[in-house]
Amino acid sequence: MGEGGAWDSGDYFEAGLGINGGKTQARGEALAKHGNLSSMTVLYIMEEALRRGEPATGERGLMAAFGPGFSAEMLPLEWA
């Protein structure tokens, strides 16, 4: 799950990592619902993913957020 700071930068991030758009639907839904809240948007994306029952137990992922200028925070995740 990632917060790209803007719709297009999130799309570039997904394309660069070869991430299937189906895996990131929670990002689009959270941004549509709450708008871009900078780095903290990842918390709304996580909430949306959990509401949808995603990801599956044992699945690994990467939480990434990008802030003003260019700041980046990344956290590897494994779902239990």
N, C-alpha and C. Protein backbone atom coordinates (compact mmCIF):
# COMPACT_ATOMS: atom_id res chain seq x y z
N MET A 1 0.85 -1.16 0.00
CA MET A 1 0.00 0.00 0.00
C MET A 1 0.89 1.21 0.00
N GLY A 2 0.54 2.18 -0.72
CA GLY A 2 1.40 3.34 -0.82
C GLY A 2 0.61 4.61 -1.02
N GLU A 3 1.17 5.66 -0.55
CA GLU A 3 0.59 6.99 -0.73
C GLU A 3 1.58 7.74 -1.58
N GLY A 4 1.17 8.09 -2.78
CA GLY A 4 2.10 8.69 -3.70
C GLY A 4 2.13 10.20 -3.68
N GLY A 5 1.40 10.85 -2.79
CA GLY A 5 1.39 12.29 -2.74
C GLY A 5 0.42 12.90 -3.74
N ALA A 6 0.24 12.25 -4.84
CA ALA A 6 -0.72 12.66 -5.86
C ALA A 6 -1.10 11.41 -6.64
N TRP A 7 -2.20 11.48 -7.35
CA TRP A 7 -2.66 10.30 -8.09
C TRP A 7 -1.58 9.77 -9.01
N ASP A 8 -0.95 10.65 -9.80
CA ASP A 8 0.00 10.18 -10.80
C ASP A 8 1.29 9.65 -10.20
N SER A 9 1.80 10.23 -9.14
CA SER A 9 3.04 9.72 -8.55
C SER A 9 2.82 8.35 -7.94
N GLY A 10 1.66 8.08 -7.38
CA GLY A 10 1.35 6.75 -6.88
C GLY A 10 1.31 5.74 -8.02
N ASP A 11 0.77 6.16 -9.16
CA ASP A 11 0.73 5.28 -10.34
C ASP A 11 2.14 4.97 -10.83
N TYR A 12 3.03 5.98 -10.82
CA TYR A 12 4.42 5.75 -11.24
C TYR A 12 5.12 4.78 -10.30
N PHE A 13 4.87 4.92 -9.01
CA PHE A 13 5.44 4.03 -8.00
C PHE A 13 5.01 2.59 -8.26
N GLU A 14 3.72 2.39 -8.50
CA GLU A 14 3.21 1.04 -8.77
C GLU A 14 3.79 0.47 -10.05
N ALA A 15 3.86 1.29 -11.10
CA ALA A 15 4.41 0.82 -12.38
C ALA A 15 5.88 0.45 -12.24
N GLY A 16 6.64 1.26 -11.52
CA GLY A 16 8.07 1.00 -11.34
C GLY A 16 8.34 -0.29 -10.59
N LEU A 17 7.43 -0.66 -9.68
CA LEU A 17 7.60 -1.90 -8.92
C LEU A 17 6.86 -3.07 -9.55
N GLY A 18 6.15 -2.81 -10.64
CA GLY A 18 5.40 -3.87 -11.31
C GLY A 18 4.22 -4.37 -10.50
N ILE A 19 3.59 -3.47 -9.76
CA ILE A 19 2.46 -3.85 -8.90
C ILE A 19 1.17 -3.84 -9.71
N ASN A 20 0.41 -4.91 -9.60
CA ASN A 20 -0.89 -5.03 -10.26
C ASN A 20 -1.86 -4.03 -9.65
N GLY A 21 -2.58 -3.28 -10.47
CA GLY A 21 -3.54 -2.29 -9.99
C GLY A 21 -4.60 -2.87 -9.08
N GLY A 22 -4.93 -4.16 -9.23
CA GLY A 22 -5.91 -4.79 -8.35
C GLY A 22 -5.44 -4.87 -6.91
N LYS A 23 -4.13 -4.88 -6.73
CA LYS A 23 -3.55 -4.94 -5.37
C LYS A 23 -3.59 -3.59 -4.67
N THR A 24 -3.91 -2.54 -5.40
CA THR A 24 -3.84 -1.20 -4.82
C THR A 24 -5.17 -0.45 -4.90
N GLN A 25 -6.27 -1.17 -5.02
CA GLN A 25 -7.57 -0.51 -5.10
C GLN A 25 -7.87 0.28 -3.83
N ALA A 26 -7.39 -0.18 -2.70
CA ALA A 26 -7.64 0.54 -1.44
C ALA A 26 -7.06 1.94 -1.50
N ARG A 27 -5.94 2.11 -2.20
CA ARG A 27 -5.33 3.44 -2.34
C ARG A 27 -6.28 4.39 -3.05
N GLY A 28 -6.81 3.96 -4.17
CA GLY A 28 -7.72 4.81 -4.93
C GLY A 28 -8.98 5.14 -4.15
N GLU A 29 -9.52 4.16 -3.44
CA GLU A 29 -10.74 4.38 -2.67
C GLU A 29 -10.49 5.34 -1.50
N ALA A 30 -9.36 5.16 -0.82
CA ALA A 30 -9.06 6.05 0.31
C ALA A 30 -8.81 7.48 -0.16
N LEU A 31 -8.10 7.64 -1.28
CA LEU A 31 -7.86 8.99 -1.80
C LEU A 31 -9.16 9.64 -2.26
N ALA A 32 -10.05 8.86 -2.88
CA ALA A 32 -11.33 9.41 -3.32
C ALA A 32 -12.19 9.84 -2.12
N LYS A 33 -12.11 9.08 -1.05
CA LYS A 33 -12.94 9.35 0.13
C LYS A 33 -12.39 10.48 0.99
N HIS A 34 -11.07 10.51 1.21
CA HIS A 34 -10.46 11.44 2.17
C HIS A 34 -9.60 12.52 1.52
N GLY A 35 -9.22 12.34 0.25
CA GLY A 35 -8.31 13.27 -0.40
C GLY A 35 -6.88 12.99 0.01
N ASN A 36 -5.97 13.80 -0.49
CA ASN A 36 -4.55 13.63 -0.21
C ASN A 36 -4.22 14.34 1.10
N LEU A 37 -3.85 13.57 2.10
CA LEU A 37 -3.49 14.11 3.41
C LEU A 37 -1.99 13.96 3.66
N SER A 38 -1.22 13.97 2.59
CA SER A 38 0.23 13.80 2.64
C SER A 38 0.57 12.43 3.20
N SER A 39 1.64 12.31 3.95
CA SER A 39 2.13 11.01 4.40
C SER A 39 1.13 10.22 5.23
N MET A 40 0.28 10.91 5.97
CA MET A 40 -0.66 10.16 6.83
C MET A 40 -1.76 9.46 6.06
N THR A 41 -1.84 9.70 4.75
CA THR A 41 -2.84 9.02 3.93
C THR A 41 -2.68 7.51 4.02
N VAL A 42 -1.46 7.01 4.26
CA VAL A 42 -1.25 5.56 4.34
C VAL A 42 -2.12 4.94 5.43
N LEU A 43 -2.41 5.68 6.49
CA LEU A 43 -3.26 5.13 7.55
C LEU A 43 -4.70 4.93 7.07
N TYR A 44 -5.19 5.82 6.23
CA TYR A 44 -6.51 5.65 5.65
C TYR A 44 -6.52 4.53 4.62
N ILE A 45 -5.41 4.38 3.90
CA ILE A 45 -5.30 3.29 2.93
C ILE A 45 -5.29 1.96 3.67
N MET A 46 -4.56 1.88 4.78
CA MET A 46 -4.54 0.65 5.56
C MET A 46 -5.93 0.34 6.11
N GLU A 47 -6.62 1.35 6.61
CA GLU A 47 -7.98 1.16 7.12
C GLU A 47 -8.88 0.59 6.02
N GLU A 48 -8.78 1.14 4.82
CA GLU A 48 -9.60 0.67 3.70
C GLU A 48 -9.25 -0.77 3.33
N ALA A 49 -7.96 -1.09 3.30
CA ALA A 49 -7.53 -2.46 2.98
C ALA A 49 -8.05 -3.45 4.02
N LEU A 50 -7.99 -3.09 5.29
CA LEU A 50 -8.48 -3.97 6.34
C LEU A 50 -9.99 -4.13 6.25
N ARG A 51 -10.70 -3.07 5.90
CA ARG A 51 -12.15 -3.13 5.75
C ARG A 51 -12.51 -4.11 4.63
N ARG A 52 -11.69 -4.13 3.59
CA ARG A 52 -11.93 -5.00 2.44
C ARG A 52 -11.46 -6.44 2.68
N GLY A 53 -10.81 -6.70 3.83
CA GLY A 53 -10.31 -8.03 4.13
C GLY A 53 -9.02 -8.36 3.40
N GLU A 54 -8.26 -7.33 3.08
CA GLU A 54 -6.99 -7.52 2.37
C GLU A 54 -5.85 -7.07 3.27
N PRO A 55 -4.67 -7.51 3.02
CA PRO A 55 -4.26 -8.69 2.28
C PRO A 55 -4.47 -9.95 3.11
N ALA A 56 -4.14 -11.09 2.53
CA ALA A 56 -4.34 -12.38 3.20
C ALA A 56 -3.24 -12.62 4.24
N THR A 57 -3.55 -13.46 5.21
CA THR A 57 -2.58 -13.84 6.23
C THR A 57 -1.33 -14.40 5.58
N GLY A 58 -0.17 -13.94 6.05
CA GLY A 58 1.12 -14.38 5.52
C GLY A 58 1.62 -13.60 4.33
N GLU A 59 0.75 -12.78 3.74
CA GLU A 59 1.17 -11.99 2.59
C GLU A 59 2.09 -10.87 3.04
N ARG A 60 3.05 -10.55 2.22
CA ARG A 60 4.00 -9.47 2.52
C ARG A 60 3.70 -8.27 1.65
N GLY A 61 4.08 -7.12 2.18
CA GLY A 61 3.85 -5.90 1.42
C GLY A 61 4.80 -4.80 1.86
N LEU A 62 4.60 -3.65 1.29
CA LEU A 62 5.42 -2.49 1.58
C LEU A 62 4.50 -1.29 1.75
N MET A 63 4.61 -0.63 2.89
CA MET A 63 3.88 0.61 3.10
C MET A 63 4.85 1.74 2.77
N ALA A 64 4.43 2.61 1.86
CA ALA A 64 5.30 3.69 1.43
C ALA A 64 4.53 5.00 1.41
N ALA A 65 5.16 6.05 1.89
CA ALA A 65 4.55 7.38 1.88
C ALA A 65 5.60 8.38 1.42
N PHE A 66 5.13 9.37 0.69
CA PHE A 66 6.02 10.40 0.17
C PHE A 66 5.51 11.75 0.60
N GLY A 67 6.41 12.58 1.12
CA GLY A 67 6.04 13.88 1.65
C GLY A 67 6.50 15.01 0.77
N PRO A 68 6.41 16.23 1.29
CA PRO A 68 6.75 17.41 0.51
C PRO A 68 8.24 17.45 0.16
N GLY A 69 8.53 18.20 -0.91
CA GLY A 69 9.90 18.20 -1.42
C GLY A 69 10.13 16.81 -1.94
N PHE A 70 11.02 16.10 -1.35
CA PHE A 70 11.04 14.66 -1.54
C PHE A 70 11.49 14.03 -0.25
N SER A 71 10.54 13.57 0.50
CA SER A 71 10.82 12.75 1.67
C SER A 71 10.05 11.45 1.47
N ALA A 72 10.63 10.37 1.91
CA ALA A 72 10.00 9.07 1.72
C ALA A 72 10.13 8.25 3.00
N GLU A 73 9.05 7.58 3.33
CA GLU A 73 9.04 6.65 4.45
C GLU A 73 8.57 5.32 3.89
N MET A 74 9.26 4.24 4.26
CA MET A 74 8.86 2.91 3.80
C MET A 74 8.97 1.93 4.95
N LEU A 75 8.00 1.00 5.00
CA LEU A 75 7.95 0.01 6.06
C LEU A 75 7.52 -1.32 5.48
N PRO A 76 8.38 -2.37 5.61
CA PRO A 76 7.95 -3.69 5.15
C PRO A 76 6.90 -4.25 6.10
N LEU A 77 5.92 -4.97 5.54
CA LEU A 77 4.82 -5.51 6.34
C LEU A 77 4.66 -7.01 6.05
N GLU A 78 4.22 -7.74 7.06
CA GLU A 78 3.77 -9.12 6.87
C GLU A 78 2.49 -9.27 7.66
N TRP A 79 1.42 -9.68 6.99
CA TRP A 79 0.10 -9.73 7.61
C TRP A 79 -0.07 -10.99 8.42
N ALA A 80 -0.59 -10.83 9.62
CA ALA A 80 -0.82 -11.97 10.51
C ALA A 80 -2.30 -12.28 10.61
